[in-house]
């Protein structure tokens, strides 16, 4: 168990770290404000810049289209096997059938 003096020393050290961090943040904020004024930028410009999504890497394309069905029941219900299991399959499995019974 630490002595009260050791704990006070640790508290003083942490308070000094807090003060240094706050001072650093204030300095960074002043620099940001100065730069925004220098370049005639507003908060809305900053918000717009932060909401821009990064561009995709060249050569990579986003997957599009639907996925073919992997499971089908007697009533024509289908499921690709992705996402949450559909209710019709959950109910059939509860009645004792197996997922493999529905495989296409």
C-alpha atoms as a PDB file:
ATOM      1  CA  UNK A   1       0.000   0.000   0.000  1.00  0.00           C
ATOM      2  CA  UNK A   2       1.343   3.439  -0.910  1.00  0.00           C
ATOM      3  CA  UNK A   3       1.910   6.117   1.674  1.00  0.00           C
ATOM      4  CA  UNK A   4      -0.098   9.344   1.576  1.00  0.00           C
ATOM      5  CA  UNK A   5       3.060  11.256   0.633  1.00  0.00           C
ATOM      6  CA  UNK A   6       3.691   8.960  -2.360  1.00  0.00           C
ATOM      7  CA  UNK A   7       0.098   9.378  -3.495  1.00  0.00           C
ATOM      8  CA  UNK A   8       0.326  13.193  -3.180  1.00  0.00           C
ATOM      9  CA  UNK A   9       3.531  13.128  -5.228  1.00  0.00           C
ATOM     10  CA  UNK A  10       1.792  11.036  -7.904  1.00  0.00           C
ATOM     11  CA  UNK A  11      -1.200  13.429  -7.918  1.00  0.00           C
ATOM     12  CA  UNK A  12       1.146  16.424  -8.338  1.00  0.00           C
ATOM     13  CA  UNK A  13       2.880  14.689 -11.237  1.00  0.00           C
ATOM     14  CA  UNK A  14      -0.448  13.921 -12.943  1.00  0.00           C
ATOM     15  CA  UNK A  15      -1.676  17.482 -12.414  1.00  0.00           C
ATOM     16  CA  UNK A  16       1.496  18.755 -14.086  1.00  0.00           C
ATOM     17  CA  UNK A  17       0.819  16.434 -17.042  1.00  0.00           C
ATOM     18  CA  UNK A  18      -2.757  17.761 -17.259  1.00  0.00           C
ATOM     19  CA  UNK A  19      -1.502  21.353 -17.283  1.00  0.00           C
ATOM     20  CA  UNK A  20       1.057  20.572 -20.003  1.00  0.00           C
ATOM     21  CA  UNK A  21      -1.566  18.840 -22.141  1.00  0.00           C
ATOM     22  CA  UNK A  22      -4.028  21.726 -21.752  1.00  0.00           C
ATOM     23  CA  UNK A  23      -1.291  24.229 -22.656  1.00  0.00           C
ATOM     24  CA  UNK A  24      -0.397  22.186 -25.750  1.00  0.00           C
ATOM     25  CA  UNK A  25      -4.060  22.032 -26.814  1.00  0.00           C
ATOM     26  CA  UNK A  26      -4.508  25.778 -26.366  1.00  0.00           C
ATOM     27  CA  UNK A  27      -1.392  26.405 -28.460  1.00  0.00           C
ATOM     28  CA  UNK A  28      -2.696  24.096 -31.211  1.00  0.00           C
ATOM     29  CA  UNK A  29      -6.103  25.815 -31.182  1.00  0.00           C
ATOM     30  CA  UNK A  30      -4.507  29.271 -31.451  1.00  0.00           C
ATOM     31  CA  UNK A  31      -2.451  28.045 -34.422  1.00  0.00           C
ATOM     32  CA  UNK A  32      -5.552  26.597 -36.105  1.00  0.00           C
ATOM     33  CA  UNK A  33      -7.468  29.837 -35.598  1.00  0.00           C
ATOM     34  CA  UNK A  34      -4.550  31.882 -36.947  1.00  0.00           C
ATOM     35  CA  UNK A  35      -4.251  29.625 -40.004  1.00  0.00           C
ATOM     36  CA  UNK A  36      -8.011  29.756 -40.639  1.00  0.00           C
ATOM     37  CA  UNK A  37      -7.952  33.564 -40.506  1.00  0.00           C
ATOM     38  CA  UNK A  38      -4.853  33.684 -42.713  1.00  0.00           C
ATOM     39  CA  UNK A  39      -6.537  31.554 -45.391  1.00  0.00           C
ATOM     40  CA  UNK A  40     -10.008  33.092 -44.915  1.00  0.00           C
ATOM     41  CA  UNK A  41     -11.604  29.796 -43.834  1.00  0.00           C
ATOM     42  CA  UNK A  42     -14.824  29.461 -41.846  1.00  0.00           C
ATOM     43  CA  UNK A  43     -16.137  26.733 -39.581  1.00  0.00           C
ATOM     44  CA  UNK A  44     -18.464  25.577 -42.352  1.00  0.00           C
ATOM     45  CA  UNK A  45     -15.427  25.189 -44.654  1.00  0.00           C
ATOM     46  CA  UNK A  46     -13.800  23.056 -41.978  1.00  0.00           C
ATOM     47  CA  UNK A  47     -16.950  20.943 -41.507  1.00  0.00           C
ATOM     48  CA  UNK A  48     -17.218  20.421 -45.269  1.00  0.00           C
ATOM     49  CA  UNK A  49     -13.582  19.366 -45.488  1.00  0.00           C
ATOM     50  CA  UNK A  50     -13.987  16.903 -42.636  1.00  0.00           C
ATOM     51  CA  UNK A  51     -17.062  15.280 -44.182  1.00  0.00           C
ATOM     52  CA  UNK A  52     -15.334  14.464 -47.482  1.00  0.00           C
ATOM     53  CA  UNK A  53     -14.881  10.720 -47.857  1.00  0.00           C
ATOM     54  CA  UNK A  54     -11.459   9.494 -48.968  1.00  0.00           C
ATOM     55  CA  UNK A  55     -11.160   8.353 -52.563  1.00  0.00           C
ATOM     56  CA  UNK A  56     -10.880   4.642 -53.278  1.00  0.00           C
ATOM     57  CA  UNK A  57      -7.534   3.227 -54.265  1.00  0.00           C
ATOM     58  CA  UNK A  58      -6.995   3.050 -58.013  1.00  0.00           C
ATOM     59  CA  UNK A  59      -7.944  -0.253 -59.564  1.00  0.00           C
ATOM     60  CA  UNK A  60     -10.320  -1.280 -56.793  1.00  0.00           C
ATOM     61  CA  UNK A  61     -13.999  -1.341 -57.547  1.00  0.00           C
ATOM     62  CA  UNK A  62     -16.876  -1.560 -55.163  1.00  0.00           C
ATOM     63  CA  UNK A  63     -18.781  -4.838 -55.385  1.00  0.00           C
ATOM     64  CA  UNK A  64     -22.163  -4.367 -56.995  1.00  0.00           C
ATOM     65  CA  UNK A  65     -25.071  -6.548 -57.939  1.00  0.00           C
ATOM     66  CA  UNK A  66     -26.915  -9.247 -56.113  1.00  0.00           C
ATOM     67  CA  UNK A  67     -25.565 -12.506 -54.810  1.00  0.00           C
ATOM     68  CA  UNK A  68     -27.103 -15.697 -56.214  1.00  0.00           C
ATOM     69  CA  UNK A  69     -29.352 -17.696 -53.917  1.00  0.00           C
ATOM     70  CA  UNK A  70     -27.819 -20.691 -52.138  1.00  0.00           C
ATOM     71  CA  UNK A  71     -30.959 -21.916 -50.383  1.00  0.00           C
ATOM     72  CA  UNK A  72     -34.583 -22.372 -51.544  1.00  0.00           C
ATOM     73  CA  UNK A  73     -37.676 -23.868 -49.932  1.00  0.00           C
ATOM     74  CA  UNK A  74     -40.717 -25.539 -51.496  1.00  0.00           C
ATOM     75  CA  UNK A  75     -42.643 -22.253 -51.549  1.00  0.00           C
ATOM     76  CA  UNK A  76     -39.987 -20.483 -53.624  1.00  0.00           C
ATOM     77  CA  UNK A  77     -38.401 -18.464 -50.804  1.00  0.00           C
ATOM     78  CA  UNK A  78     -34.673 -17.971 -51.352  1.00  0.00           C
ATOM     79  CA  UNK A  79     -31.692 -16.866 -49.321  1.00  0.00           C
ATOM     80  CA  UNK A  80     -28.135 -16.073 -50.413  1.00  0.00           C
ATOM     81  CA  UNK A  81     -26.624 -17.256 -47.136  1.00  0.00           C
ATOM     82  CA  UNK A  82     -25.564 -13.717 -46.243  1.00  0.00           C
ATOM     83  CA  UNK A  83     -26.965 -11.638 -43.452  1.00  0.00           C
ATOM     84  CA  UNK A  84     -29.524 -12.727 -40.931  1.00  0.00           C
ATOM     85  CA  UNK A  85     -31.151 -16.095 -41.464  1.00  0.00           C
ATOM     86  CA  UNK A  86     -34.662 -15.577 -42.893  1.00  0.00           C
ATOM     87  CA  UNK A  87     -37.714 -16.415 -40.827  1.00  0.00           C
ATOM     88  CA  UNK A  88     -38.860 -19.199 -43.167  1.00  0.00           C
ATOM     89  CA  UNK A  89     -35.561 -21.037 -42.657  1.00  0.00           C
ATOM     90  CA  UNK A  90     -35.497 -20.460 -38.905  1.00  0.00           C
ATOM     91  CA  UNK A  91     -39.006 -21.894 -38.613  1.00  0.00           C
ATOM     92  CA  UNK A  92     -38.161 -24.915 -40.787  1.00  0.00           C
ATOM     93  CA  UNK A  93     -35.034 -25.661 -38.744  1.00  0.00           C
ATOM     94  CA  UNK A  94     -37.112 -25.405 -35.554  1.00  0.00           C
ATOM     95  CA  UNK A  95     -39.418 -28.049 -37.047  1.00  0.00           C
ATOM     96  CA  UNK A  96     -36.493 -30.447 -37.439  1.00  0.00           C
ATOM     97  CA  UNK A  97     -35.236 -29.778 -40.969  1.00  0.00           C
ATOM     98  CA  UNK A  98     -31.590 -29.062 -41.749  1.00  0.00           C
ATOM     99  CA  UNK A  99     -30.107 -26.137 -43.608  1.00  0.00           C
ATOM    100  CA  UNK A 100     -28.587 -28.557 -46.115  1.00  0.00           C
ATOM    101  CA  UNK A 101     -32.158 -29.639 -47.058  1.00  0.00           C
ATOM    102  CA  UNK A 102     -32.589 -26.231 -48.710  1.00  0.00           C
ATOM    103  CA  UNK A 103     -29.286 -26.070 -50.580  1.00  0.00           C
ATOM    104  CA  UNK A 104     -29.608 -25.344 -54.298  1.00  0.00           C
END
